[in-house]
């Protein structure tokens, strides 16, 4: 899973969102969010199912009407074969008829392709996959990440829970806790951070859980506690892992909120050093702290009226005065006469 932000006063920021490669994609160590867009805060419940309730097996109760509705297909490029999916996902799809498995796989590939650049479209493809194979854990996980990317946190949480029931895995625990934050329930996220499931996570998962817990602290206005939560051997380590830039970034951001600007600048710098893939906007944050403003090269197009005024003023600029030109001519004539005097009388 990925991403991925941190703050409840509406929203959370991308710096403390769980990361990883959604639904066991090959880029599991990659950040989905490409790093924190501070203007893209996440708020409360943005969605949820309006259909039937799910049963414990991940299906729907009362799905008859839905199943009778034709599936509205979306175009899939010819170069998408379905073979691009992770081998573990492919293994899960083997429980389906071959043609159906290929169909589901191609839609999952489209989800993975679009989830960063066009989350809404990725979500649409995930809904098709879900209609085709709602009892496959990888499909539920993909649907969860697509809903998460579009801020439909209630829906995402339900899908993650369904996937977890099917697999028994704890891998989705941090992103499930982050969904609680997105729903405006940071206390639940904090409670999840103290559950035994956290101890079963690998190192990357535990760091993600720490980021979520720190974000929940900030959601509750406990900025000092958030800073302490992020202070860890992983933060102090000079080793760089996939989660290092975001961990350092989250720490810098918390320090800045606490008014510790010098320390924040130092840690934004450390985040930038570790961020070889541009997963965060640490460079922009440093520039802001240093008072550097970036000018949009296309800004003139956004303000055509202002551009027209500038051009009009330029065309109305006064031409050089005629008197000045005459003075220049007189000076030149005088210079010529002086040259003639120095050469003596002209010879006939």
C-alpha atoms as a PDB file:
ATOM      1  CA  UNK A   1       0.000   0.000   0.000  1.00  0.00           C
ATOM      2  CA  UNK A   2       1.117   3.543  -0.374  1.00  0.00           C
ATOM      3  CA  UNK A   3       1.395   7.168  -0.280  1.00  0.00           C
ATOM      4  CA  UNK A   4       0.154   8.548   0.123  1.00  0.00           C
ATOM      5  CA  UNK A   5      -0.763  13.224   4.591  1.00  0.00           C
ATOM      6  CA  UNK A   6      -1.184  14.284   8.168  1.00  0.00           C
ATOM      7  CA  UNK A   7      -3.585  16.373   9.929  1.00  0.00           C
ATOM      8  CA  UNK A   8      -7.123  16.183  11.106  1.00  0.00           C
ATOM      9  CA  UNK A   9      -7.913  19.654  11.526  1.00  0.00           C
ATOM     10  CA  UNK A  10      -9.400  18.482   8.461  1.00  0.00           C
ATOM     11  CA  UNK A  11      -7.083  16.590   6.933  1.00  0.00           C
ATOM     12  CA  UNK A  12      -4.056  14.678   6.859  1.00  0.00           C
ATOM     13  CA  UNK A  13      -1.026  15.314   4.775  1.00  0.00           C
ATOM     14  CA  UNK A  14       0.846  12.984   2.484  1.00  0.00           C
ATOM     15  CA  UNK A  15       3.899  12.868   4.727  1.00  0.00           C
ATOM     16  CA  UNK A  16       2.403  10.372   7.140  1.00  0.00           C
ATOM     17  CA  UNK A  17       0.315   8.279   4.870  1.00  0.00           C
ATOM     18  CA  UNK A  18       1.125   4.611   4.563  1.00  0.00           C
ATOM     19  CA  UNK A  19       3.236   3.753   1.592  1.00  0.00           C
ATOM     20  CA  UNK A  20       4.143   0.723  -0.351  1.00  0.00           C
ATOM     21  CA  UNK A  21       2.943  -0.669  -3.604  1.00  0.00           C
ATOM     22  CA  UNK A  22      -0.724  -1.211  -3.409  1.00  0.00           C
ATOM     23  CA  UNK A  23      -2.242  -4.631  -3.830  1.00  0.00           C
ATOM     24  CA  UNK A  24       1.112  -6.370  -3.897  1.00  0.00           C
ATOM     25  CA  UNK A  25       2.427  -4.629  -6.942  1.00  0.00           C
ATOM     26  CA  UNK A  26       6.072  -4.999  -7.887  1.00  0.00           C
ATOM     27  CA  UNK A  27       6.806  -1.439  -6.755  1.00  0.00           C
ATOM     28  CA  UNK A  28       5.875  -2.202  -3.162  1.00  0.00           C
ATOM     29  CA  UNK A  29       8.658   0.008  -1.811  1.00  0.00           C
ATOM     30  CA  UNK A  30       7.548   2.950  -3.896  1.00  0.00           C
ATOM     31  CA  UNK A  31       5.525   5.861  -2.572  1.00  0.00           C
ATOM     32  CA  UNK A  32       2.210   6.290  -4.324  1.00  0.00           C
ATOM     33  CA  UNK A  33       1.682   9.869  -3.395  1.00  0.00           C
ATOM     34  CA  UNK A  34       4.968  11.107  -4.812  1.00  0.00           C
ATOM     35  CA  UNK A  35       5.111  13.077  -1.751  1.00  0.00           C
ATOM     36  CA  UNK A  36       3.359  15.384   0.186  1.00  0.00           C
ATOM     37  CA  UNK A  37       1.163  17.810  -1.517  1.00  0.00           C
ATOM     38  CA  UNK A  38       0.286  20.039   1.354  1.00  0.00           C
ATOM     39  CA  UNK A  39      -2.633  21.536  -0.539  1.00  0.00           C
ATOM     40  CA  UNK A  40      -4.196  18.144  -0.944  1.00  0.00           C
ATOM     41  CA  UNK A  41      -5.310  17.548   2.613  1.00  0.00           C
ATOM     42  CA  UNK A  42      -7.589  14.669   3.319  1.00  0.00           C
ATOM     43  CA  UNK A  43     -10.688  15.088   5.363  1.00  0.00           C
ATOM     44  CA  UNK A  44     -13.393  12.894   6.721  1.00  0.00           C
ATOM     45  CA  UNK A  45     -15.579  10.320   5.071  1.00  0.00           C
ATOM     46  CA  UNK A  46     -15.665  11.010   1.355  1.00  0.00           C
ATOM     47  CA  UNK A  47     -17.686   8.038   0.349  1.00  0.00           C
ATOM     48  CA  UNK A  48     -19.057   4.677   1.226  1.00  0.00           C
ATOM     49  CA  UNK A  49     -21.192   2.030  -0.309  1.00  0.00           C
ATOM     50  CA  UNK A  50     -24.801   2.705  -0.997  1.00  0.00           C
ATOM     51  CA  UNK A  51     -25.431  -0.886  -1.943  1.00  0.00           C
ATOM     52  CA  UNK A  52     -25.818  -4.013   0.146  1.00  0.00           C
ATOM     53  CA  UNK A  53     -23.802  -4.890   3.211  1.00  0.00           C
ATOM     54  CA  UNK A  54     -20.898  -7.284   2.938  1.00  0.00           C
ATOM     55  CA  UNK A  55     -20.907 -10.623   4.641  1.00  0.00           C
ATOM     56  CA  UNK A  56     -17.882 -12.127   6.373  1.00  0.00           C
ATOM     57  CA  UNK A  57     -16.791 -13.840   3.186  1.00  0.00           C
ATOM     58  CA  UNK A  58     -16.418 -10.532   1.386  1.00  0.00           C
ATOM     59  CA  UNK A  59     -19.495 -10.879  -0.790  1.00  0.00           C
ATOM     60  CA  UNK A  60     -22.621  -8.759  -0.649  1.00  0.00           C
ATOM     61  CA  UNK A  61     -25.923  -9.402   0.983  1.00  0.00           C
ATOM     62  CA  UNK A  62     -28.702  -8.393  -1.330  1.00  0.00           C
ATOM     63  CA  UNK A  63     -26.501  -8.258  -4.427  1.00  0.00           C
ATOM     64  CA  UNK A  64     -29.049  -9.774  -6.805  1.00  0.00           C
ATOM     65  CA  UNK A  65     -30.098  -6.452  -8.302  1.00  0.00           C
ATOM     66  CA  UNK A  66     -26.490  -5.358  -8.720  1.00  0.00           C
ATOM     67  CA  UNK A  67     -25.509  -8.601 -10.421  1.00  0.00           C
ATOM     68  CA  UNK A  68     -28.317  -8.260 -12.935  1.00  0.00           C
ATOM     69  CA  UNK A  69     -27.067  -4.816 -13.956  1.00  0.00           C
ATOM     70  CA  UNK A  70     -24.709  -4.935 -16.952  1.00  0.00           C
ATOM     71  CA  UNK A  71     -21.132  -4.013 -16.174  1.00  0.00           C
ATOM     72  CA  UNK A  72     -20.175  -0.703 -17.761  1.00  0.00           C
ATOM     73  CA  UNK A  73     -16.836  -1.443 -19.340  1.00  0.00           C
ATOM     74  CA  UNK A  74     -13.952   0.989 -19.756  1.00  0.00           C
ATOM     75  CA  UNK A  75     -11.469   0.857 -22.640  1.00  0.00           C
ATOM     76  CA  UNK A  76      -8.231  -1.012 -22.020  1.00  0.00           C
ATOM     77  CA  UNK A  77      -5.221  -0.490 -24.325  1.00  0.00           C
ATOM     78  CA  UNK A  78      -4.261  -3.453 -26.486  1.00  0.00           C
ATOM     79  CA  UNK A  79      -0.801  -3.584 -24.931  1.00  0.00           C
ATOM     80  CA  UNK A  80      -2.318  -4.475 -21.546  1.00  0.00           C
ATOM     81  CA  UNK A  81      -2.414  -8.263 -21.385  1.00  0.00           C
ATOM     82  CA  UNK A  82      -2.845  -8.875 -17.666  1.00  0.00           C
ATOM     83  CA  UNK A  83       0.506 -10.637 -17.440  1.00  0.00           C
ATOM     84  CA  UNK A  84       1.949  -7.466 -15.901  1.00  0.00           C
ATOM     85  CA  UNK A  85       0.411  -8.149 -12.495  1.00  0.00           C
ATOM     86  CA  UNK A  86       2.331  -9.445  -9.504  1.00  0.00           C
ATOM     87  CA  UNK A  87       2.818 -13.205  -9.427  1.00  0.00           C
ATOM     88  CA  UNK A  88       1.023 -13.489  -6.073  1.00  0.00           C
ATOM     89  CA  UNK A  89      -2.027 -11.765  -7.520  1.00  0.00           C
ATOM     90  CA  UNK A  90      -1.871 -14.003 -10.562  1.00  0.00           C
ATOM     91  CA  UNK A  91      -1.843 -16.993  -8.258  1.00  0.00           C
ATOM     92  CA  UNK A  92      -5.021 -15.777  -6.555  1.00  0.00           C
ATOM     93  CA  UNK A  93      -6.743 -15.275  -9.883  1.00  0.00           C
ATOM     94  CA  UNK A  94      -6.129 -18.898 -10.825  1.00  0.00           C
ATOM     95  CA  UNK A  95      -9.230 -19.728  -8.786  1.00  0.00           C
ATOM     96  CA  UNK A  96     -11.266 -18.071 -11.556  1.00  0.00           C
ATOM     97  CA  UNK A  97     -12.081 -19.355 -15.043  1.00  0.00           C
ATOM     98  CA  UNK A  98      -9.241 -18.482 -17.422  1.00  0.00           C
ATOM     99  CA  UNK A  99     -11.111 -15.885 -19.469  1.00  0.00           C
ATOM    100  CA  UNK A 100     -12.495 -14.202 -16.362  1.00  0.00           C
ATOM    101  CA  UNK A 101      -9.073 -14.215 -14.699  1.00  0.00           C
ATOM    102  CA  UNK A 102      -7.560 -12.454 -17.712  1.00  0.00           C
ATOM    103  CA  UNK A 103     -10.359  -9.904 -17.696  1.00  0.00           C
ATOM    104  CA  UNK A 104      -9.876  -9.138 -14.008  1.00  0.00           C
ATOM    105  CA  UNK A 105      -6.094  -8.987 -14.399  1.00  0.00           C
ATOM    106  CA  UNK A 106      -6.288  -6.414 -17.192  1.00  0.00           C
ATOM    107  CA  UNK A 107      -8.529  -4.179 -15.099  1.00  0.00           C
ATOM    108  CA  UNK A 108      -6.148  -4.494 -12.149  1.00  0.00           C
ATOM    109  CA  UNK A 109      -3.263  -3.459 -14.390  1.00  0.00           C
ATOM    110  CA  UNK A 110      -5.202  -0.325 -15.312  1.00  0.00           C
ATOM    111  CA  UNK A 111      -5.758   0.418 -11.629  1.00  0.00           C
ATOM    112  CA  UNK A 112      -2.017   0.174 -10.996  1.00  0.00           C
ATOM    113  CA  UNK A 113      -1.203   2.327 -14.024  1.00  0.00           C
ATOM    114  CA  UNK A 114      -3.581   5.133 -13.155  1.00  0.00           C
ATOM    115  CA  UNK A 115      -3.673   5.257  -9.367  1.00  0.00           C
ATOM    116  CA  UNK A 116      -0.948   7.921  -9.156  1.00  0.00           C
ATOM    117  CA  UNK A 117      -1.888  10.163 -12.065  1.00  0.00           C
ATOM    118  CA  UNK A 118      -5.653   9.685 -12.298  1.00  0.00           C
ATOM    119  CA  UNK A 119      -7.057   8.180  -9.075  1.00  0.00           C
ATOM    120  CA  UNK A 120     -10.680   8.654 -10.108  1.00  0.00           C
ATOM    121  CA  UNK A 121     -10.182   6.655 -13.277  1.00  0.00           C
ATOM    122  CA  UNK A 122      -8.242   4.007 -11.358  1.00  0.00           C
ATOM    123  CA  UNK A 123     -11.179   3.805  -8.990  1.00  0.00           C
ATOM    124  CA  UNK A 124     -13.531   3.224 -11.921  1.00  0.00           C
ATOM    125  CA  UNK A 125     -11.446   0.287 -13.152  1.00  0.00           C
ATOM    126  CA  UNK A 126     -11.293  -1.121  -9.629  1.00  0.00           C
ATOM    127  CA  UNK A 127     -15.087  -1.146  -9.479  1.00  0.00           C
ATOM    128  CA  UNK A 128     -15.200  -3.244 -12.626  1.00  0.00           C
ATOM    129  CA  UNK A 129     -12.701  -5.721 -11.182  1.00  0.00           C
ATOM    130  CA  UNK A 130     -14.747  -5.825  -7.996  1.00  0.00           C
ATOM    131  CA  UNK A 131     -17.928  -6.637  -9.919  1.00  0.00           C
ATOM    132  CA  UNK A 132     -16.106  -9.440 -11.712  1.00  0.00           C
ATOM    133  CA  UNK A 133     -14.333 -11.043  -8.748  1.00  0.00           C
ATOM    134  CA  UNK A 134     -15.371  -9.675  -5.375  1.00  0.00           C
ATOM    135  CA  UNK A 135     -14.220 -12.793  -3.529  1.00  0.00           C
ATOM    136  CA  UNK A 136     -10.580 -12.492  -4.540  1.00  0.00           C
ATOM    137  CA  UNK A 137      -8.518 -10.824  -1.801  1.00  0.00           C
ATOM    138  CA  UNK A 138      -6.210  -9.033  -4.246  1.00  0.00           C
ATOM    139  CA  UNK A 139      -9.219  -7.475  -5.956  1.00  0.00           C
ATOM    140  CA  UNK A 140     -10.603  -6.239  -2.652  1.00  0.00           C
ATOM    141  CA  UNK A 141      -7.190  -4.828  -1.769  1.00  0.00           C
ATOM    142  CA  UNK A 142      -6.917  -3.041  -5.116  1.00  0.00           C
ATOM    143  CA  UNK A 143     -10.408  -1.628  -4.677  1.00  0.00           C
ATOM    144  CA  UNK A 144      -9.391  -0.452  -1.217  1.00  0.00           C
ATOM    145  CA  UNK A 145      -6.357   1.422  -2.477  1.00  0.00           C
ATOM    146  CA  UNK A 146      -8.316   3.009  -5.299  1.00  0.00           C
ATOM    147  CA  UNK A 147     -10.960   4.185  -2.827  1.00  0.00           C
ATOM    148  CA  UNK A 148      -8.213   5.389  -0.476  1.00  0.00           C
ATOM    149  CA  UNK A 149      -6.584   7.379  -3.283  1.00  0.00           C
ATOM    150  CA  UNK A 150      -9.883   9.136  -3.950  1.00  0.00           C
ATOM    151  CA  UNK A 151     -10.473   9.877  -0.253  1.00  0.00           C
ATOM    152  CA  UNK A 152     -13.368   7.426   0.070  1.00  0.00           C
ATOM    153  CA  UNK A 153     -12.060   6.281   3.422  1.00  0.00           C
ATOM    154  CA  UNK A 154     -15.112   4.383   4.660  1.00  0.00           C
ATOM    155  CA  UNK A 155     -15.176   2.376   1.461  1.00  0.00           C
ATOM    156  CA  UNK A 156     -11.424   1.819   1.539  1.00  0.00           C
ATOM    157  CA  UNK A 157     -11.549   0.614   5.128  1.00  0.00           C
ATOM    158  CA  UNK A 158     -14.331  -1.852   4.323  1.00  0.00           C
ATOM    159  CA  UNK A 159     -12.350  -3.259   1.389  1.00  0.00           C
ATOM    160  CA  UNK A 160      -9.160  -3.574   3.419  1.00  0.00           C
ATOM    161  CA  UNK A 161     -11.031  -5.369   6.169  1.00  0.00           C
ATOM    162  CA  UNK A 162     -12.531  -7.765   3.641  1.00  0.00           C
ATOM    163  CA  UNK A 163      -9.108  -8.498   2.168  1.00  0.00           C
ATOM    164  CA  UNK A 164      -7.634  -9.045   5.612  1.00  0.00           C
ATOM    165  CA  UNK A 165     -10.406 -11.473   6.526  1.00  0.00           C
ATOM    166  CA  UNK A 166      -9.614 -13.478   3.419  1.00  0.00           C
ATOM    167  CA  UNK A 167      -5.842 -13.594   3.871  1.00  0.00           C
ATOM    168  CA  UNK A 168      -5.271 -13.193   7.607  1.00  0.00           C
ATOM    169  CA  UNK A 169      -2.367 -10.853   6.774  1.00  0.00           C
ATOM    170  CA  UNK A 170      -1.516  -7.806   8.909  1.00  0.00           C
ATOM    171  CA  UNK A 171       0.146  -5.922   6.037  1.00  0.00           C
ATOM    172  CA  UNK A 172      -2.819  -3.582   5.631  1.00  0.00           C
ATOM    173  CA  UNK A 173      -2.944  -2.619   9.311  1.00  0.00           C
ATOM    174  CA  UNK A 174      -1.224   0.801   8.932  1.00  0.00           C
ATOM    175  CA  UNK A 175      -3.371   1.919   6.008  1.00  0.00           C
ATOM    176  CA  UNK A 176      -6.493   0.728   7.824  1.00  0.00           C
ATOM    177  CA  UNK A 177      -5.487   2.914  10.770  1.00  0.00           C
ATOM    178  CA  UNK A 178      -4.915   5.810   8.403  1.00  0.00           C
ATOM    179  CA  UNK A 179      -8.434   5.361   7.045  1.00  0.00           C
ATOM    180  CA  UNK A 180      -9.666   5.859  10.602  1.00  0.00           C
ATOM    181  CA  UNK A 181      -7.822   9.159  10.595  1.00  0.00           C
ATOM    182  CA  UNK A 182      -9.404  10.081   7.291  1.00  0.00           C
ATOM    183  CA  UNK A 183     -12.792   9.401   8.856  1.00  0.00           C
ATOM    184  CA  UNK A 184     -11.983  11.832  11.666  1.00  0.00           C
ATOM    185  CA  UNK A 185     -11.298   9.116  14.232  1.00  0.00           C
ATOM    186  CA  UNK A 186      -7.656   9.612  15.272  1.00  0.00           C
ATOM    187  CA  UNK A 187      -8.325   7.945  18.624  1.00  0.00           C
ATOM    188  CA  UNK A 188      -9.085   4.693  16.818  1.00  0.00           C
ATOM    189  CA  UNK A 189      -5.896   5.035  14.810  1.00  0.00           C
ATOM    190  CA  UNK A 190      -3.942   5.468  18.042  1.00  0.00           C
ATOM    191  CA  UNK A 191      -5.626   2.413  19.536  1.00  0.00           C
ATOM    192  CA  UNK A 192      -4.641   0.374  16.485  1.00  0.00           C
ATOM    193  CA  UNK A 193      -1.039   1.525  16.914  1.00  0.00           C
ATOM    194  CA  UNK A 194      -0.987  -0.289  20.252  1.00  0.00           C
ATOM    195  CA  UNK A 195      -2.480  -3.570  19.031  1.00  0.00           C
ATOM    196  CA  UNK A 196      -0.454  -6.826  18.783  1.00  0.00           C
ATOM    197  CA  UNK A 197      -0.774  -6.714  14.982  1.00  0.00           C
ATOM    198  CA  UNK A 198       1.871  -3.988  14.872  1.00  0.00           C
ATOM    199  CA  UNK A 199       4.490  -6.348  16.265  1.00  0.00           C
ATOM    200  CA  UNK A 200       3.818  -8.719  13.372  1.00  0.00           C
ATOM    201  CA  UNK A 201       4.635  -6.068  10.774  1.00  0.00           C
ATOM    202  CA  UNK A 202       8.016  -5.960   9.082  1.00  0.00           C
ATOM    203  CA  UNK A 203      10.292  -2.968   9.628  1.00  0.00           C
ATOM    204  CA  UNK A 204       8.761  -0.955   6.799  1.00  0.00           C
ATOM    205  CA  UNK A 205       5.275  -1.639   8.120  1.00  0.00           C
ATOM    206  CA  UNK A 206       6.241  -0.570  11.622  1.00  0.00           C
ATOM    207  CA  UNK A 207       7.656   2.695  10.289  1.00  0.00           C
ATOM    208  CA  UNK A 208       4.412   3.279   8.400  1.00  0.00           C
ATOM    209  CA  UNK A 209       2.484   2.653  11.603  1.00  0.00           C
ATOM    210  CA  UNK A 210       4.691   5.152  13.412  1.00  0.00           C
ATOM    211  CA  UNK A 211       3.945   7.759  10.750  1.00  0.00           C
ATOM    212  CA  UNK A 212       0.223   7.160  11.076  1.00  0.00           C
ATOM    213  CA  UNK A 213       0.377   7.319  14.880  1.00  0.00           C
ATOM    214  CA  UNK A 214       2.288  10.600  14.748  1.00  0.00           C
ATOM    215  CA  UNK A 215      -0.271  11.976  12.320  1.00  0.00           C
ATOM    216  CA  UNK A 216      -3.058  10.934  14.678  1.00  0.00           C
ATOM    217  CA  UNK A 217      -1.315  12.780  17.507  1.00  0.00           C
ATOM    218  CA  UNK A 218      -1.221  15.892  15.368  1.00  0.00           C
ATOM    219  CA  UNK A 219      -4.858  15.376  14.507  1.00  0.00           C
ATOM    220  CA  UNK A 220      -5.603  15.596  18.222  1.00  0.00           C
ATOM    221  CA  UNK A 221      -3.442  18.705  18.643  1.00  0.00           C
ATOM    222  CA  UNK A 222      -0.685  16.809  20.466  1.00  0.00           C
ATOM    223  CA  UNK A 223       2.232  18.155  18.460  1.00  0.00           C
ATOM    224  CA  UNK A 224       4.908  17.473  21.078  1.00  0.00           C
ATOM    225  CA  UNK A 225       3.715  13.887  21.425  1.00  0.00           C
ATOM    226  CA  UNK A 226       3.816  13.551  17.640  1.00  0.00           C
ATOM    227  CA  UNK A 227       7.447  14.667  17.615  1.00  0.00           C
ATOM    228  CA  UNK A 228       8.333  12.128  20.298  1.00  0.00           C
ATOM    229  CA  UNK A 229       6.492   9.397  18.388  1.00  0.00           C
ATOM    230  CA  UNK A 230       8.666   9.998  15.337  1.00  0.00           C
ATOM    231  CA  UNK A 231      11.914   9.972  17.308  1.00  0.00           C
ATOM    232  CA  UNK A 232      13.191   6.460  16.762  1.00  0.00           C
ATOM    233  CA  UNK A 233      16.259   4.463  15.729  1.00  0.00           C
ATOM    234  CA  UNK A 234      14.935   4.537  12.165  1.00  0.00           C
ATOM    235  CA  UNK A 235      14.884   8.340  12.208  1.00  0.00           C
ATOM    236  CA  UNK A 236      18.379   8.573  13.677  1.00  0.00           C
ATOM    237  CA  UNK A 237      19.850   6.024  11.279  1.00  0.00           C
ATOM    238  CA  UNK A 238      22.042   7.246   8.435  1.00  0.00           C
ATOM    239  CA  UNK A 239      20.918   4.312   6.301  1.00  0.00           C
ATOM    240  CA  UNK A 240      18.449   5.202   3.578  1.00  0.00           C
ATOM    241  CA  UNK A 241      15.385   3.058   2.929  1.00  0.00           C
ATOM    242  CA  UNK A 242      12.263   3.628   0.854  1.00  0.00           C
ATOM    243  CA  UNK A 243      10.512   5.177   3.838  1.00  0.00           C
ATOM    244  CA  UNK A 244      13.438   7.347   5.021  1.00  0.00           C
ATOM    245  CA  UNK A 245      12.555  10.551   3.092  1.00  0.00           C
ATOM    246  CA  UNK A 246       8.980  10.550   4.353  1.00  0.00           C
ATOM    247  CA  UNK A 247       9.952   9.778   7.931  1.00  0.00           C
ATOM    248  CA  UNK A 248      12.429  12.668   7.977  1.00  0.00           C
ATOM    249  CA  UNK A 249       9.932  14.902   6.205  1.00  0.00           C
ATOM    250  CA  UNK A 250       7.186  14.146   8.726  1.00  0.00           C
ATOM    251  CA  UNK A 251       9.594  14.923  11.554  1.00  0.00           C
ATOM    252  CA  UNK A 252      10.615  18.224   9.957  1.00  0.00           C
ATOM    253  CA  UNK A 253       6.994  19.177   9.381  1.00  0.00           C
ATOM    254  CA  UNK A 254       6.101  18.445  12.995  1.00  0.00           C
ATOM    255  CA  UNK A 255       9.072  20.484  14.226  1.00  0.00           C
ATOM    256  CA  UNK A 256       7.972  23.395  12.073  1.00  0.00           C
ATOM    257  CA  UNK A 257       4.459  23.265  13.477  1.00  0.00           C
ATOM    258  CA  UNK A 258       5.967  23.320  16.957  1.00  0.00           C
ATOM    259  CA  UNK A 259       7.821  26.534  16.073  1.00  0.00           C
ATOM    260  CA  UNK A 260      11.264  24.908  15.925  1.00  0.00           C
ATOM    261  CA  UNK A 261      12.159  26.374  12.559  1.00  0.00           C
ATOM    262  CA  UNK A 262      15.935  25.866  12.619  1.00  0.00           C
ATOM    263  CA  UNK A 263      15.557  22.185  13.435  1.00  0.00           C
ATOM    264  CA  UNK A 264      12.831  21.860  10.835  1.00  0.00           C
ATOM    265  CA  UNK A 265      15.107  23.330   8.172  1.00  0.00           C
ATOM    266  CA  UNK A 266      17.816  20.828   9.128  1.00  0.00           C
ATOM    267  CA  UNK A 267      15.464  17.859   8.811  1.00  0.00           C
ATOM    268  CA  UNK A 268      13.895  19.049   5.581  1.00  0.00           C
ATOM    269  CA  UNK A 269      17.464  19.118   4.291  1.00  0.00           C
ATOM    270  CA  UNK A 270      18.043  15.562   5.488  1.00  0.00           C
ATOM    271  CA  UNK A 271      14.805  14.462   3.860  1.00  0.00           C
ATOM    272  CA  UNK A 272      15.926  16.035   0.597  1.00  0.00           C
ATOM    273  CA  UNK A 273      19.291  14.256   0.775  1.00  0.00           C
ATOM    274  CA  UNK A 274      17.554  10.893   1.060  1.00  0.00           C
ATOM    275  CA  UNK A 275      14.853  11.662  -1.486  1.00  0.00           C
ATOM    276  CA  UNK A 276      16.416  10.584  -4.764  1.00  0.00           C
ATOM    277  CA  UNK A 277      13.080   9.876  -6.420  1.00  0.00           C
ATOM    278  CA  UNK A 278      11.256  13.087  -5.556  1.00  0.00           C
ATOM    279  CA  UNK A 279       8.861  11.366  -3.159  1.00  0.00           C
ATOM    280  CA  UNK A 280       8.468  14.541  -1.089  1.00  0.00           C
ATOM    281  CA  UNK A 281       8.415  18.283  -1.684  1.00  0.00           C
ATOM    282  CA  UNK A 282      11.228  18.872   0.793  1.00  0.00           C
ATOM    283  CA  UNK A 283      13.030  21.178  -1.639  1.00  0.00           C
ATOM    284  CA  UNK A 284       9.955  23.403  -1.880  1.00  0.00           C
ATOM    285  CA  UNK A 285       9.596  23.503   1.888  1.00  0.00           C
ATOM    286  CA  UNK A 286      13.230  24.552   2.270  1.00  0.00           C
ATOM    287  CA  UNK A 287      12.709  27.284  -0.305  1.00  0.00           C
ATOM    288  CA  UNK A 288       9.666  28.521   1.598  1.00  0.00           C
ATOM    289  CA  UNK A 289      11.645  28.697   4.812  1.00  0.00           C
ATOM    290  CA  UNK A 290      14.376  30.640   3.029  1.00  0.00           C
ATOM    291  CA  UNK A 291      11.859  33.058   1.526  1.00  0.00           C
ATOM    292  CA  UNK A 292      12.452  31.972  -2.057  1.00  0.00           C
ATOM    293  CA  UNK A 293       9.532  32.502  -4.442  1.00  0.00           C
ATOM    294  CA  UNK A 294       9.104  30.505  -7.618  1.00  0.00           C
ATOM    295  CA  UNK A 295       7.623  32.396 -10.570  1.00  0.00           C
ATOM    296  CA  UNK A 296       5.368  30.474 -12.911  1.00  0.00           C
ATOM    297  CA  UNK A 297       6.825  30.750 -16.392  1.00  0.00           C
ATOM    298  CA  UNK A 298       3.317  30.423 -17.792  1.00  0.00           C
ATOM    299  CA  UNK A 299       1.916  33.081 -15.521  1.00  0.00           C
ATOM    300  CA  UNK A 300       1.383  35.558 -18.371  1.00  0.00           C
ATOM    301  CA  UNK A 301      -1.083  33.190 -19.976  1.00  0.00           C
ATOM    302  CA  UNK A 302      -3.087  33.109 -16.774  1.00  0.00           C
ATOM    303  CA  UNK A 303      -3.386  36.916 -16.686  1.00  0.00           C
ATOM    304  CA  UNK A 304      -3.891  38.032 -20.302  1.00  0.00           C
ATOM    305  CA  UNK A 305      -5.308  41.399 -19.245  1.00  0.00           C
ATOM    306  CA  UNK A 306      -2.135  42.281 -17.384  1.00  0.00           C
ATOM    307  CA  UNK A 307      -0.014  41.202 -20.361  1.00  0.00           C
ATOM    308  CA  UNK A 308      -2.080  43.420 -22.658  1.00  0.00           C
ATOM    309  CA  UNK A 309      -1.597  46.399 -20.349  1.00  0.00           C
ATOM    310  CA  UNK A 310       2.153  45.889 -20.384  1.00  0.00           C
ATOM    311  CA  UNK A 311       2.243  45.685 -24.176  1.00  0.00           C
ATOM    312  CA  UNK A 312       0.065  48.778 -24.499  1.00  0.00           C
ATOM    313  CA  UNK A 313       2.323  50.772 -22.191  1.00  0.00           C
ATOM    314  CA  UNK A 314       5.320  49.618 -24.188  1.00  0.00           C
ATOM    315  CA  UNK A 315       3.821  50.817 -27.481  1.00  0.00           C
ATOM    316  CA  UNK A 316       2.970  54.172 -25.931  1.00  0.00           C
ATOM    317  CA  UNK A 317       6.463  54.739 -24.583  1.00  0.00           C
ATOM    318  CA  UNK A 318       7.706  58.191 -25.773  1.00  0.00           C
ATOM    319  CA  UNK A 319      10.090  58.184 -28.731  1.00  0.00           C
ATOM    320  CA  UNK A 320      13.444  59.993 -28.387  1.00  0.00           C
ATOM    321  CA  UNK A 321      12.912  63.786 -28.537  1.00  0.00           C
ATOM    322  CA  UNK A 322      13.573  65.475 -31.891  1.00  0.00           C
ATOM    323  CA  UNK A 323      15.760  68.105 -30.207  1.00  0.00           C
ATOM    324  CA  UNK A 324      18.048  65.363 -28.984  1.00  0.00           C
ATOM    325  CA  UNK A 325      18.481  64.075 -32.543  1.00  0.00           C
ATOM    326  CA  UNK A 326      19.270  67.593 -33.811  1.00  0.00           C
ATOM    327  CA  UNK A 327      21.849  68.084 -31.075  1.00  0.00           C
ATOM    328  CA  UNK A 328      23.539  64.851 -32.110  1.00  0.00           C
ATOM    329  CA  UNK A 329      23.613  65.991 -35.760  1.00  0.00           C
ATOM    330  CA  UNK A 330      25.074  69.391 -34.803  1.00  0.00           C
ATOM    331  CA  UNK A 331      27.786  67.726 -32.762  1.00  0.00           C
ATOM    332  CA  UNK A 332      28.675  65.471 -35.694  1.00  0.00           C
ATOM    333  CA  UNK A 333      28.852  68.472 -38.094  1.00  0.00           C
ATOM    334  CA  UNK A 334      31.116  70.362 -35.712  1.00  0.00           C
ATOM    335  CA  UNK A 335      33.441  67.364 -35.497  1.00  0.00           C
ATOM    336  CA  UNK A 336      33.688  67.269 -39.304  1.00  0.00           C
ATOM    337  CA  UNK A 337      34.570  70.976 -39.470  1.00  0.00           C
ATOM    338  CA  UNK A 338      37.277  70.526 -36.863  1.00  0.00           C
ATOM    339  CA  UNK A 339      38.785  67.704 -38.923  1.00  0.00           C
ATOM    340  CA  UNK A 340      38.876  69.947 -42.025  1.00  0.00           C
ATOM    341  CA  UNK A 341      40.664  72.711 -40.119  1.00  0.00           C
ATOM    342  CA  UNK A 342      43.315  70.278 -38.921  1.00  0.00           C
ATOM    343  CA  UNK A 343      43.974  69.029 -42.476  1.00  0.00           C
ATOM    344  CA  UNK A 344      44.332  72.538 -43.874  1.00  0.00           C
ATOM    345  CA  UNK A 345      42.520  74.155 -46.843  1.00  0.00           C
ATOM    346  CA  UNK A 346      40.993  71.827 -49.296  1.00  0.00           C
ATOM    347  CA  UNK A 347      42.966  71.373 -52.485  1.00  0.00           C
ATOM    348  CA  UNK A 348      41.170  72.197 -55.688  1.00  0.00           C
END
